[in-house]
Amino acid sequence: MKGIILKVTKSTKSVEEYSIKLNKTIGVRSIQIQLLPAEAKKYIEYSEIITDDSYPVKINSNLLDPGTIKYAEIQAFDPSNPSIESIFHLPITVISPQLIKENNSIQKEIVLKPLIPYRFFIQTPKNVDQCKIDLSSLTEELSKESKTKVIIKYSVEDSQVCDENGKTIEFVNEDKYQRWEIPIMPEKMYELLFLQRLYNVKDLKFKIKLSFRT
């Protein structure tokens, strides 16, 4: 089953409804439905029974934090025969970008854990072709023995994050501010990825400011 991929835009309904076609429930007397992870119940409404050959799912994107991507899955299986594979498996991906208004900038604080990427999604405004990324360290003391390196990468919708669209930014104890400017297209969804290289064994806190211009 291909699953559901919802990319939230200005035209996205508050609640998107889906009807999933099923073809593998014949002969199963009882079906148990499970949503993983459990916290996905905050924004996914699903039925715990199957009555015909379709299965309804509702997604409320208004309940998601802007700039985030969420993964979930719905599994159905026969509790009387747990050895067989699931009757159906429905993966769900919801991307809820931060909508940027014209002539606007955004700021946010993030915590980077070593080698764990932080992903942030934005929807660019009209009439822009440049994005200025200001990254400021909020950690009182950076490593004196080695430089703190943060990798920043970006991609536009329907493409993958790649090394060609990336830069490694270095911080030392005296220098806690860096800037990088990237070309962008108007009214497109972009993914920004921030990754702390393993030069520190602790989490580091940063402030990100994104500014847009022509």
N, C-alpha and C. Protein backbone atom coordinates (compact mmCIF):
# COMPACT_ATOMS: atom_id res chain seq x y z
N MET A 1 0.84 -1.19 0.00
CA MET A 1 0.00 0.00 0.00
C MET A 1 0.88 1.24 0.00
N LYS A 2 0.64 2.15 -0.94
CA LYS A 2 1.50 3.32 -1.11
C LYS A 2 1.44 4.27 0.09
N GLY A 3 0.28 4.41 0.68
CA GLY A 3 0.18 5.28 1.84
C GLY A 3 -0.29 6.68 1.48
N ILE A 4 -0.27 7.55 2.49
CA ILE A 4 -0.73 8.93 2.36
C ILE A 4 0.45 9.87 2.56
N ILE A 5 0.62 10.81 1.64
CA ILE A 5 1.60 11.88 1.80
C ILE A 5 0.85 13.20 1.66
N LEU A 6 0.79 13.95 2.75
CA LEU A 6 0.08 15.23 2.75
C LEU A 6 1.09 16.36 2.92
N LYS A 7 1.17 17.22 1.91
CA LYS A 7 1.99 18.43 1.99
C LYS A 7 1.05 19.61 2.19
N VAL A 8 1.11 20.20 3.35
CA VAL A 8 0.16 21.25 3.71
C VAL A 8 0.50 22.54 2.97
N THR A 9 -0.49 23.12 2.30
CA THR A 9 -0.34 24.39 1.60
C THR A 9 -1.47 25.32 2.03
N LYS A 10 -1.50 26.51 1.44
CA LYS A 10 -2.56 27.46 1.76
C LYS A 10 -3.94 26.92 1.41
N SER A 11 -4.01 26.06 0.39
CA SER A 11 -5.30 25.54 -0.05
C SER A 11 -5.70 24.24 0.65
N THR A 12 -4.85 23.74 1.53
CA THR A 12 -5.17 22.51 2.25
C THR A 12 -6.32 22.75 3.22
N LYS A 13 -7.27 21.84 3.23
CA LYS A 13 -8.39 21.93 4.16
C LYS A 13 -7.90 21.71 5.59
N SER A 14 -8.66 22.24 6.54
CA SER A 14 -8.31 22.02 7.94
C SER A 14 -8.26 20.54 8.27
N VAL A 15 -9.24 19.82 7.74
CA VAL A 15 -9.27 18.36 7.91
C VAL A 15 -9.36 17.72 6.53
N GLU A 16 -8.35 16.96 6.17
CA GLU A 16 -8.34 16.24 4.90
C GLU A 16 -8.86 14.83 5.14
N GLU A 17 -9.78 14.39 4.28
CA GLU A 17 -10.39 13.07 4.42
C GLU A 17 -9.92 12.15 3.30
N TYR A 18 -9.64 10.91 3.65
CA TYR A 18 -9.17 9.91 2.69
C TYR A 18 -10.01 8.65 2.83
N SER A 19 -10.20 7.97 1.70
CA SER A 19 -10.86 6.67 1.69
C SER A 19 -9.90 5.68 1.04
N ILE A 20 -9.38 4.76 1.84
CA ILE A 20 -8.36 3.83 1.38
C ILE A 20 -9.03 2.55 0.87
N LYS A 21 -8.73 2.18 -0.37
CA LYS A 21 -9.30 0.98 -0.97
C LYS A 21 -8.60 -0.25 -0.42
N LEU A 22 -9.40 -1.23 0.02
CA LEU A 22 -8.85 -2.46 0.59
C LEU A 22 -9.24 -3.65 -0.27
N ASN A 23 -8.40 -4.67 -0.25
CA ASN A 23 -8.72 -5.87 -1.02
C ASN A 23 -8.26 -7.16 -0.33
N LYS A 24 -7.95 -7.06 0.98
CA LYS A 24 -7.35 -8.21 1.65
C LYS A 24 -8.06 -8.56 2.96
N THR A 25 -9.29 -8.17 3.13
CA THR A 25 -9.98 -8.42 4.40
C THR A 25 -10.95 -9.59 4.34
N ILE A 26 -11.13 -10.18 3.16
CA ILE A 26 -12.09 -11.27 3.01
C ILE A 26 -11.63 -12.48 3.83
N GLY A 27 -12.54 -13.04 4.59
CA GLY A 27 -12.24 -14.25 5.36
C GLY A 27 -11.68 -13.99 6.73
N VAL A 28 -11.40 -12.75 7.08
CA VAL A 28 -10.88 -12.44 8.41
C VAL A 28 -12.06 -12.09 9.32
N ARG A 29 -12.23 -12.84 10.38
CA ARG A 29 -13.39 -12.65 11.25
C ARG A 29 -13.26 -11.42 12.14
N SER A 30 -12.08 -11.23 12.69
CA SER A 30 -11.88 -10.07 13.57
C SER A 30 -10.61 -9.35 13.16
N ILE A 31 -10.67 -8.04 13.20
CA ILE A 31 -9.53 -7.23 12.79
C ILE A 31 -9.21 -6.24 13.89
N GLN A 32 -7.94 -6.14 14.21
CA GLN A 32 -7.49 -5.18 15.22
C GLN A 32 -6.69 -4.09 14.52
N ILE A 33 -7.03 -2.83 14.84
CA ILE A 33 -6.38 -1.68 14.21
C ILE A 33 -5.46 -1.01 15.22
N GLN A 34 -4.28 -0.62 14.76
CA GLN A 34 -3.32 0.04 15.63
C GLN A 34 -2.69 1.22 14.90
N LEU A 35 -2.59 2.36 15.60
CA LEU A 35 -1.93 3.55 15.06
C LEU A 35 -0.61 3.76 15.81
N LEU A 36 0.46 3.90 15.06
CA LEU A 36 1.79 4.13 15.63
C LEU A 36 2.41 5.37 15.00
N PRO A 37 3.09 6.20 15.81
CA PRO A 37 3.14 6.16 17.27
C PRO A 37 1.80 6.61 17.87
N ALA A 38 1.62 6.34 19.15
CA ALA A 38 0.34 6.64 19.79
C ALA A 38 0.01 8.12 19.77
N GLU A 39 1.05 8.99 19.83
CA GLU A 39 0.79 10.43 19.86
C GLU A 39 0.24 10.96 18.53
N ALA A 40 0.27 10.13 17.48
CA ALA A 40 -0.30 10.55 16.20
C ALA A 40 -1.82 10.69 16.28
N LYS A 41 -2.42 10.15 17.33
CA LYS A 41 -3.86 10.32 17.51
C LYS A 41 -4.25 11.78 17.68
N LYS A 42 -3.26 12.61 17.98
CA LYS A 42 -3.52 14.04 18.13
C LYS A 42 -4.04 14.64 16.83
N TYR A 43 -3.54 14.15 15.68
CA TYR A 43 -3.92 14.76 14.41
C TYR A 43 -4.49 13.77 13.39
N ILE A 44 -4.50 12.47 13.70
CA ILE A 44 -5.05 11.47 12.79
C ILE A 44 -6.28 10.84 13.43
N GLU A 45 -7.38 10.87 12.70
CA GLU A 45 -8.61 10.21 13.14
C GLU A 45 -8.82 8.98 12.26
N TYR A 46 -9.01 7.84 12.89
CA TYR A 46 -9.14 6.60 12.13
C TYR A 46 -10.20 5.72 12.79
N SER A 47 -10.72 4.78 12.01
CA SER A 47 -11.74 3.87 12.52
C SER A 47 -11.07 2.61 13.08
N GLU A 48 -11.63 2.08 14.14
CA GLU A 48 -11.11 0.85 14.73
C GLU A 48 -11.84 -0.39 14.21
N ILE A 49 -12.75 -0.19 13.25
CA ILE A 49 -13.43 -1.32 12.62
C ILE A 49 -13.40 -1.11 11.10
N ILE A 50 -13.54 -2.21 10.37
CA ILE A 50 -13.62 -2.17 8.92
C ILE A 50 -14.96 -2.76 8.53
N THR A 51 -15.77 -1.99 7.83
CA THR A 51 -17.12 -2.44 7.50
C THR A 51 -17.28 -2.83 6.03
N ASP A 52 -16.41 -2.35 5.16
CA ASP A 52 -16.51 -2.69 3.74
C ASP A 52 -15.11 -2.72 3.14
N ASP A 53 -15.02 -2.52 1.84
CA ASP A 53 -13.72 -2.62 1.18
C ASP A 53 -12.96 -1.30 1.13
N SER A 54 -13.39 -0.30 1.91
CA SER A 54 -12.66 0.96 2.00
C SER A 54 -12.48 1.32 3.47
N TYR A 55 -11.48 2.15 3.71
CA TYR A 55 -11.14 2.49 5.10
C TYR A 55 -10.94 4.00 5.21
N PRO A 56 -11.71 4.68 6.09
CA PRO A 56 -11.63 6.14 6.17
C PRO A 56 -10.53 6.61 7.12
N VAL A 57 -9.83 7.67 6.71
CA VAL A 57 -8.80 8.30 7.54
C VAL A 57 -8.96 9.81 7.41
N LYS A 58 -8.86 10.52 8.54
CA LYS A 58 -8.90 11.98 8.54
C LYS A 58 -7.62 12.53 9.17
N ILE A 59 -7.09 13.59 8.57
CA ILE A 59 -5.88 14.23 9.08
C ILE A 59 -6.17 15.70 9.33
N ASN A 60 -5.95 16.14 10.57
CA ASN A 60 -6.16 17.54 10.94
C ASN A 60 -4.80 18.22 11.03
N SER A 61 -4.40 18.90 9.96
CA SER A 61 -3.08 19.53 9.91
C SER A 61 -2.99 20.76 10.79
N ASN A 62 -4.13 21.32 11.22
CA ASN A 62 -4.11 22.49 12.10
C ASN A 62 -3.51 22.17 13.47
N LEU A 63 -3.45 20.89 13.80
CA LEU A 63 -2.96 20.49 15.11
C LEU A 63 -1.46 20.20 15.11
N LEU A 64 -0.80 20.46 14.00
CA LEU A 64 0.64 20.21 13.89
C LEU A 64 1.42 21.51 14.03
N ASP A 65 2.60 21.42 14.60
CA ASP A 65 3.47 22.59 14.69
C ASP A 65 4.00 22.94 13.30
N PRO A 66 3.99 24.22 12.92
CA PRO A 66 4.51 24.60 11.60
C PRO A 66 5.99 24.32 11.49
N GLY A 67 6.39 23.88 10.30
CA GLY A 67 7.80 23.60 10.05
C GLY A 67 8.19 22.16 10.26
N THR A 68 7.22 21.31 10.61
CA THR A 68 7.56 19.94 11.00
C THR A 68 7.15 18.91 9.96
N ILE A 69 7.73 17.74 10.09
CA ILE A 69 7.32 16.56 9.32
C ILE A 69 6.99 15.46 10.32
N LYS A 70 5.88 14.78 10.08
CA LYS A 70 5.44 13.73 10.99
C LYS A 70 5.23 12.42 10.22
N TYR A 71 5.63 11.34 10.85
CA TYR A 71 5.44 10.01 10.28
C TYR A 71 4.53 9.19 11.20
N ALA A 72 3.65 8.42 10.59
CA ALA A 72 2.78 7.52 11.36
C ALA A 72 2.42 6.34 10.46
N GLU A 73 1.82 5.35 11.06
CA GLU A 73 1.34 4.22 10.27
C GLU A 73 0.16 3.57 10.97
N ILE A 74 -0.77 3.10 10.15
CA ILE A 74 -1.92 2.35 10.64
C ILE A 74 -1.74 0.91 10.22
N GLN A 75 -1.82 0.00 11.18
CA GLN A 75 -1.68 -1.42 10.90
C GLN A 75 -2.96 -2.14 11.28
N ALA A 76 -3.36 -3.10 10.45
CA ALA A 76 -4.51 -3.94 10.75
C ALA A 76 -4.06 -5.40 10.71
N PHE A 77 -4.43 -6.15 11.72
CA PHE A 77 -4.02 -7.55 11.75
C PHE A 77 -5.10 -8.40 12.43
N ASP A 78 -4.98 -9.69 12.25
CA ASP A 78 -5.92 -10.66 12.81
C ASP A 78 -5.39 -11.12 14.16
N PRO A 79 -6.00 -10.71 15.28
CA PRO A 79 -5.48 -11.08 16.60
C PRO A 79 -5.55 -12.58 16.88
N SER A 80 -6.40 -13.30 16.14
CA SER A 80 -6.50 -14.75 16.34
C SER A 80 -5.38 -15.51 15.64
N ASN A 81 -4.66 -14.81 14.76
CA ASN A 81 -3.58 -15.46 14.03
C ASN A 81 -2.42 -14.48 13.89
N PRO A 82 -1.71 -14.20 14.99
CA PRO A 82 -0.65 -13.17 14.95
C PRO A 82 0.57 -13.55 14.13
N SER A 83 0.65 -14.81 13.72
CA SER A 83 1.83 -15.24 12.96
C SER A 83 1.82 -14.75 11.52
N ILE A 84 0.63 -14.43 11.00
CA ILE A 84 0.56 -13.96 9.62
C ILE A 84 0.86 -12.47 9.56
N GLU A 85 1.22 -12.02 8.37
CA GLU A 85 1.54 -10.61 8.20
C GLU A 85 0.29 -9.76 8.34
N SER A 86 0.49 -8.45 8.48
CA SER A 86 -0.64 -7.55 8.68
C SER A 86 -1.59 -7.60 7.48
N ILE A 87 -2.86 -7.40 7.77
CA ILE A 87 -3.87 -7.38 6.71
C ILE A 87 -3.66 -6.18 5.80
N PHE A 88 -3.37 -5.05 6.41
CA PHE A 88 -2.89 -3.92 5.62
C PHE A 88 -2.03 -3.02 6.49
N HIS A 89 -1.18 -2.28 5.82
CA HIS A 89 -0.22 -1.39 6.49
C HIS A 89 -0.25 -0.07 5.74
N LEU A 90 -0.67 1.00 6.42
CA LEU A 90 -0.85 2.30 5.77
C LEU A 90 0.14 3.31 6.35
N PRO A 91 1.23 3.61 5.65
CA PRO A 91 2.15 4.66 6.11
C PRO A 91 1.57 6.04 5.82
N ILE A 92 1.80 6.97 6.74
CA ILE A 92 1.29 8.34 6.61
C ILE A 92 2.42 9.32 6.87
N THR A 93 2.60 10.26 5.94
CA THR A 93 3.59 11.32 6.10
C THR A 93 2.88 12.66 5.94
N VAL A 94 3.07 13.54 6.91
CA VAL A 94 2.46 14.87 6.85
C VAL A 94 3.56 15.92 7.00
N ILE A 95 3.70 16.78 5.99
CA ILE A 95 4.67 17.87 6.03
C ILE A 95 3.90 19.17 6.19
N SER A 96 4.17 19.86 7.29
CA SER A 96 3.46 21.11 7.60
C SER A 96 4.47 22.25 7.63
N PRO A 97 4.73 22.90 6.50
CA PRO A 97 5.76 23.94 6.47
C PRO A 97 5.35 25.22 7.19
N GLN A 98 6.33 25.96 7.62
CA GLN A 98 6.10 27.30 8.16
C GLN A 98 5.81 28.23 6.98
N LEU A 99 4.62 28.81 6.94
CA LEU A 99 4.24 29.70 5.85
C LEU A 99 4.85 31.07 6.10
N ILE A 100 5.66 31.54 5.16
CA ILE A 100 6.33 32.82 5.31
C ILE A 100 5.53 33.88 4.56
N LYS A 101 5.16 34.93 5.27
CA LYS A 101 4.44 36.03 4.63
C LYS A 101 5.43 36.94 3.91
N GLU A 102 4.91 37.68 2.94
CA GLU A 102 5.76 38.58 2.15
C GLU A 102 6.42 39.63 3.05
N ASN A 103 7.68 39.93 2.75
CA ASN A 103 8.47 40.91 3.51
C ASN A 103 8.57 40.54 4.99
N ASN A 104 8.68 39.27 5.23
CA ASN A 104 8.72 38.81 6.61
C ASN A 104 9.95 37.95 6.85
N SER A 105 10.32 37.82 8.11
CA SER A 105 11.40 36.93 8.50
C SER A 105 10.93 36.13 9.71
N ILE A 106 11.60 35.03 9.98
CA ILE A 106 11.22 34.21 11.12
C ILE A 106 12.45 33.89 11.96
N GLN A 107 12.23 33.70 13.24
CA GLN A 107 13.29 33.31 14.15
C GLN A 107 12.81 32.14 14.99
N LYS A 108 13.71 31.24 15.32
CA LYS A 108 13.37 30.15 16.21
C LYS A 108 14.64 29.62 16.86
N GLU A 109 14.48 29.04 18.02
CA GLU A 109 15.59 28.43 18.73
C GLU A 109 15.51 26.92 18.57
N ILE A 110 16.66 26.31 18.34
CA ILE A 110 16.71 24.86 18.16
C ILE A 110 17.82 24.28 19.02
N VAL A 111 17.72 23.00 19.29
CA VAL A 111 18.76 22.26 20.00
C VAL A 111 19.29 21.19 19.06
N LEU A 112 20.59 21.22 18.80
CA LEU A 112 21.21 20.23 17.93
C LEU A 112 21.93 19.19 18.76
N LYS A 113 21.51 17.94 18.59
CA LYS A 113 22.19 16.82 19.22
C LYS A 113 23.24 16.29 18.26
N PRO A 114 24.37 15.82 18.75
CA PRO A 114 25.44 15.35 17.85
C PRO A 114 24.94 14.29 16.87
N LEU A 115 25.15 14.57 15.58
CA LEU A 115 24.86 13.65 14.48
C LEU A 115 23.38 13.29 14.33
N ILE A 116 22.50 14.06 14.93
CA ILE A 116 21.06 13.87 14.73
C ILE A 116 20.52 15.09 13.98
N PRO A 117 20.08 14.92 12.75
CA PRO A 117 19.66 16.08 11.95
C PRO A 117 18.39 16.73 12.49
N TYR A 118 18.35 18.04 12.39
CA TYR A 118 17.15 18.81 12.71
C TYR A 118 16.58 19.29 11.38
N ARG A 119 15.34 18.93 11.09
CA ARG A 119 14.71 19.26 9.81
C ARG A 119 13.64 20.32 10.04
N PHE A 120 13.65 21.32 9.16
CA PHE A 120 12.69 22.42 9.26
C PHE A 120 12.18 22.74 7.86
N PHE A 121 10.87 22.86 7.71
CA PHE A 121 10.24 23.07 6.41
C PHE A 121 9.61 24.46 6.36
N ILE A 122 9.78 25.13 5.22
CA ILE A 122 9.20 26.46 5.03
C ILE A 122 8.50 26.52 3.68
N GLN A 123 7.52 27.41 3.57
CA GLN A 123 6.88 27.75 2.30
C GLN A 123 7.26 29.18 1.99
N THR A 124 8.04 29.38 0.94
CA THR A 124 8.58 30.71 0.66
C THR A 124 7.49 31.67 0.17
N PRO A 125 7.66 32.97 0.41
CA PRO A 125 6.66 33.95 -0.01
C PRO A 125 6.80 34.29 -1.50
N LYS A 126 5.94 35.19 -1.95
CA LYS A 126 6.01 35.67 -3.33
C LYS A 126 7.20 36.61 -3.52
N ASN A 127 7.62 36.72 -4.76
CA ASN A 127 8.58 37.76 -5.18
C ASN A 127 9.88 37.74 -4.38
N VAL A 128 10.43 36.57 -4.14
CA VAL A 128 11.74 36.47 -3.47
C VAL A 128 12.63 35.52 -4.27
N ASP A 129 13.93 35.74 -4.18
CA ASP A 129 14.86 34.80 -4.80
C ASP A 129 16.10 34.54 -3.95
N GLN A 130 16.12 35.10 -2.73
CA GLN A 130 17.24 34.87 -1.82
C GLN A 130 16.73 34.64 -0.40
N CYS A 131 17.41 33.73 0.29
CA CYS A 131 17.12 33.50 1.71
C CYS A 131 18.42 33.63 2.48
N LYS A 132 18.42 34.47 3.49
CA LYS A 132 19.59 34.68 4.33
C LYS A 132 19.39 33.89 5.62
N ILE A 133 20.33 32.99 5.89
CA ILE A 133 20.27 32.15 7.08
C ILE A 133 21.29 32.64 8.09
N ASP A 134 20.82 33.17 9.21
CA ASP A 134 21.69 33.59 10.30
C ASP A 134 21.62 32.55 11.41
N LEU A 135 22.78 32.04 11.79
CA LEU A 135 22.85 31.01 12.82
C LEU A 135 23.72 31.53 13.96
N SER A 136 23.12 31.63 15.14
CA SER A 136 23.82 32.16 16.32
C SER A 136 23.84 31.10 17.41
N SER A 137 25.02 30.88 17.97
CA SER A 137 25.14 29.91 19.07
C SER A 137 24.64 30.54 20.36
N LEU A 138 23.80 29.81 21.08
CA LEU A 138 23.30 30.24 22.38
C LEU A 138 23.96 29.47 23.52
N THR A 139 24.92 28.64 23.17
CA THR A 139 25.67 27.90 24.18
C THR A 139 26.74 28.81 24.75
N GLU A 140 26.79 28.91 26.05
CA GLU A 140 27.69 29.88 26.69
C GLU A 140 29.14 29.66 26.31
N GLU A 141 29.58 28.42 26.31
CA GLU A 141 30.98 28.15 26.01
C GLU A 141 31.08 27.00 25.02
N LEU A 142 31.62 27.29 23.85
CA LEU A 142 31.87 26.25 22.87
C LEU A 142 33.22 25.60 23.16
N SER A 143 33.47 24.51 22.45
CA SER A 143 34.71 23.78 22.70
C SER A 143 35.93 24.62 22.35
N LYS A 144 36.89 24.69 23.26
CA LYS A 144 38.12 25.42 23.02
C LYS A 144 39.15 24.56 22.29
N GLU A 145 39.01 23.24 22.44
CA GLU A 145 39.99 22.35 21.84
C GLU A 145 39.76 22.15 20.35
N SER A 146 38.52 22.17 19.92
CA SER A 146 38.20 21.95 18.51
C SER A 146 37.04 22.83 18.10
N LYS A 147 36.92 23.03 16.81
CA LYS A 147 35.85 23.87 16.31
C LYS A 147 34.53 23.11 16.31
N THR A 148 33.48 23.84 16.60
CA THR A 148 32.14 23.28 16.48
C THR A 148 31.67 23.47 15.04
N LYS A 149 31.30 22.37 14.39
CA LYS A 149 30.89 22.45 12.99
C LYS A 149 29.42 22.08 12.86
N VAL A 150 28.70 22.91 12.13
CA VAL A 150 27.29 22.66 11.84
C VAL A 150 27.12 22.60 10.33
N ILE A 151 26.58 21.50 9.85
CA ILE A 151 26.30 21.34 8.43
C ILE A 151 24.87 21.82 8.16
N ILE A 152 24.73 22.68 7.15
CA ILE A 152 23.40 23.14 6.72
C ILE A 152 23.19 22.68 5.28
N LYS A 153 22.07 22.05 5.03
CA LYS A 153 21.71 21.65 3.66
C LYS A 153 20.27 22.07 3.39
N TYR A 154 19.95 22.19 2.11
CA TYR A 154 18.58 22.57 1.76
C TYR A 154 18.15 21.87 0.49
N SER A 155 16.85 21.76 0.31
CA SER A 155 16.29 21.20 -0.92
C SER A 155 14.93 21.82 -1.16
N VAL A 156 14.55 21.88 -2.43
CA VAL A 156 13.23 22.37 -2.81
C VAL A 156 12.30 21.17 -2.94
N GLU A 157 11.01 21.41 -2.88
CA GLU A 157 10.02 20.33 -2.90
C GLU A 157 10.24 19.40 -4.09
N ASP A 158 9.96 18.12 -3.86
CA ASP A 158 10.10 17.05 -4.85
C ASP A 158 11.54 16.78 -5.24
N SER A 159 12.48 17.18 -4.40
CA SER A 159 13.88 16.83 -4.61
C SER A 159 14.49 16.45 -3.27
N GLN A 160 15.66 15.83 -3.30
CA GLN A 160 16.29 15.36 -2.09
C GLN A 160 17.38 16.31 -1.64
N VAL A 161 17.61 16.32 -0.32
CA VAL A 161 18.73 17.07 0.23
C VAL A 161 20.02 16.43 -0.26
N CYS A 162 20.94 17.23 -0.80
CA CYS A 162 22.18 16.68 -1.33
C CYS A 162 23.36 17.55 -0.90
N ASP A 163 24.56 16.99 -1.05
CA ASP A 163 25.77 17.70 -0.62
C ASP A 163 26.01 18.96 -1.43
N GLU A 164 25.56 18.97 -2.70
CA GLU A 164 25.79 20.14 -3.54
C GLU A 164 25.09 21.38 -2.98
N ASN A 165 23.98 21.17 -2.31
CA ASN A 165 23.24 22.28 -1.70
C ASN A 165 23.51 22.31 -0.19
N GLY A 166 24.76 22.40 0.15
CA GLY A 166 25.11 22.38 1.57
C GLY A 166 26.36 23.17 1.87
N LYS A 167 26.54 23.44 3.14
CA LYS A 167 27.71 24.18 3.60
C LYS A 167 28.00 23.81 5.05
N THR A 168 29.30 23.72 5.38
CA THR A 168 29.72 23.48 6.76
C THR A 168 30.13 24.80 7.39
N ILE A 169 29.47 25.14 8.48
CA ILE A 169 29.75 26.39 9.20
C ILE A 169 30.52 26.06 10.47
N GLU A 170 31.58 26.82 10.73
CA GLU A 170 32.42 26.57 11.88
C GLU A 170 32.25 27.66 12.94
N PHE A 171 32.20 27.22 14.18
CA PHE A 171 32.11 28.14 15.32
C PHE A 171 33.30 27.88 16.24
N VAL A 172 33.86 28.95 16.77
CA VAL A 172 34.86 28.85 17.83
C VAL A 172 34.34 29.64 19.02
N ASN A 173 35.06 29.59 20.12
CA ASN A 173 34.56 30.18 21.35
C ASN A 173 34.29 31.68 21.22
N GLU A 174 35.13 32.37 20.42
CA GLU A 174 34.98 33.82 20.31
C GLU A 174 33.97 34.22 19.24
N ASP A 175 33.65 33.31 18.35
CA ASP A 175 32.79 33.64 17.21
C ASP A 175 31.54 32.76 17.26
N LYS A 176 30.42 33.34 17.63
CA LYS A 176 29.20 32.56 17.81
C LYS A 176 28.13 32.90 16.79
N TYR A 177 28.51 33.57 15.72
CA TYR A 177 27.52 33.99 14.73
C TYR A 177 28.05 33.70 13.33
N GLN A 178 27.22 33.09 12.49
CA GLN A 178 27.58 32.82 11.10
C GLN A 178 26.38 33.08 10.21
N ARG A 179 26.66 33.37 8.92
CA ARG A 179 25.60 33.66 7.96
C ARG A 179 25.86 32.91 6.66
N TRP A 180 24.76 32.48 6.05
CA TRP A 180 24.84 31.84 4.74
C TRP A 180 23.63 32.27 3.93
N GLU A 181 23.84 32.61 2.67
CA GLU A 181 22.76 33.06 1.80
C GLU A 181 22.58 32.06 0.67
N ILE A 182 21.33 31.68 0.41
CA ILE A 182 21.05 30.67 -0.61
C ILE A 182 20.02 31.19 -1.61
N PRO A 183 20.09 30.73 -2.86
CA PRO A 183 19.06 31.10 -3.85
C PRO A 183 17.80 30.27 -3.62
N ILE A 184 16.66 30.89 -3.78
CA ILE A 184 15.39 30.17 -3.62
C ILE A 184 14.42 30.60 -4.70
N MET A 185 13.35 29.84 -4.82
CA MET A 185 12.26 30.18 -5.72
C MET A 185 11.03 30.58 -4.91
N PRO A 186 10.23 31.50 -5.42
CA PRO A 186 9.05 31.95 -4.66
C PRO A 186 7.97 30.88 -4.61
N GLU A 187 7.22 30.90 -3.51
CA GLU A 187 6.05 30.04 -3.32
C GLU A 187 6.37 28.56 -3.54
N LYS A 188 7.48 28.13 -2.97
CA LYS A 188 7.89 26.73 -3.02
C LYS A 188 8.15 26.23 -1.60
N MET A 189 8.00 24.93 -1.43
CA MET A 189 8.33 24.32 -0.14
C MET A 189 9.80 23.94 -0.12
N TYR A 190 10.49 24.35 0.95
CA TYR A 190 11.90 24.03 1.11
C TYR A 190 12.11 23.28 2.42
N GLU A 191 13.07 22.37 2.38
CA GLU A 191 13.52 21.71 3.60
C GLU A 191 14.90 22.23 3.95
N LEU A 192 15.08 22.64 5.20
CA LEU A 192 16.38 23.03 5.73
C LEU A 192 16.82 21.97 6.74
N LEU A 193 18.05 21.53 6.62
CA LEU A 193 18.57 20.50 7.51
C LEU A 193 19.80 21.02 8.22
N PHE A 194 19.81 20.90 9.54
CA PHE A 194 20.93 21.34 10.37
C PHE A 194 21.48 20.12 11.11
N LEU A 195 22.80 19.95 11.06
CA LEU A 195 23.43 18.78 11.68
C LEU A 195 24.71 19.18 12.39
N GLN A 196 24.78 18.87 13.68
CA GLN A 196 26.00 19.13 14.44
C GLN A 196 26.97 17.96 14.26
N ARG A 197 28.17 18.26 13.79
CA ARG A 197 29.19 17.23 13.67
C ARG A 197 29.64 16.78 15.05
N LEU A 198 30.15 15.58 15.13
CA LEU A 198 30.48 14.99 16.42
C LEU A 198 31.83 15.49 16.95
N TYR A 199 31.89 16.81 17.18
CA TYR A 199 33.06 17.39 17.83
C TYR A 199 32.73 17.75 19.28
N ASN A 200 31.46 17.65 19.63
CA ASN A 200 31.04 17.91 21.00
C ASN A 200 30.18 16.75 21.46
N VAL A 201 30.28 16.40 22.70
CA VAL A 201 29.49 15.30 23.23
C VAL A 201 28.20 15.79 23.87
N LYS A 202 27.96 17.07 23.81
CA LYS A 202 26.76 17.63 24.43
C LYS A 202 25.87 18.28 23.38
N ASP A 203 24.62 18.51 23.77
CA ASP A 203 23.69 19.22 22.90
C ASP A 203 24.07 20.70 22.85
N LEU A 204 23.84 21.31 21.69
CA LEU A 204 24.13 22.73 21.53
C LEU A 204 22.86 23.47 21.12
N LYS A 205 22.70 24.66 21.66
CA LYS A 205 21.51 25.46 21.39
C LYS A 205 21.86 26.60 20.43
N PHE A 206 20.99 26.81 19.43
CA PHE A 206 21.22 27.85 18.43
C PHE A 206 19.94 28.64 18.20
N LYS A 207 20.12 29.85 17.70
CA LYS A 207 19.01 30.66 17.21
C LYS A 207 19.15 30.77 15.70
N ILE A 208 18.06 30.50 15.00
CA ILE A 208 18.03 30.60 13.55
C ILE A 208 17.16 31.79 13.16
N LYS A 209 17.66 32.60 12.24
CA LYS A 209 16.85 33.66 11.66
C LYS A 209 16.89 33.51 10.14
N LEU A 210 15.72 33.47 9.53
CA LEU A 210 15.60 33.38 8.08
C LEU A 210 15.00 34.68 7.56
N SER A 211 15.71 35.32 6.64
CA SER A 211 15.24 36.57 6.02
C SER A 211 15.17 36.36 4.52
N PHE A 212 14.20 37.00 3.88
CA PHE A 212 13.96 36.79 2.45
C PHE A 212 13.99 38.12 1.72
N ARG A 213 14.53 38.08 0.49
CA ARG A 213 14.60 39.31 -0.30
C ARG A 213 14.71 38.95 -1.77
N THR A 214 14.59 39.98 -2.60
CA THR A 214 14.77 39.81 -4.04
C THR A 214 16.15 40.30 -4.43
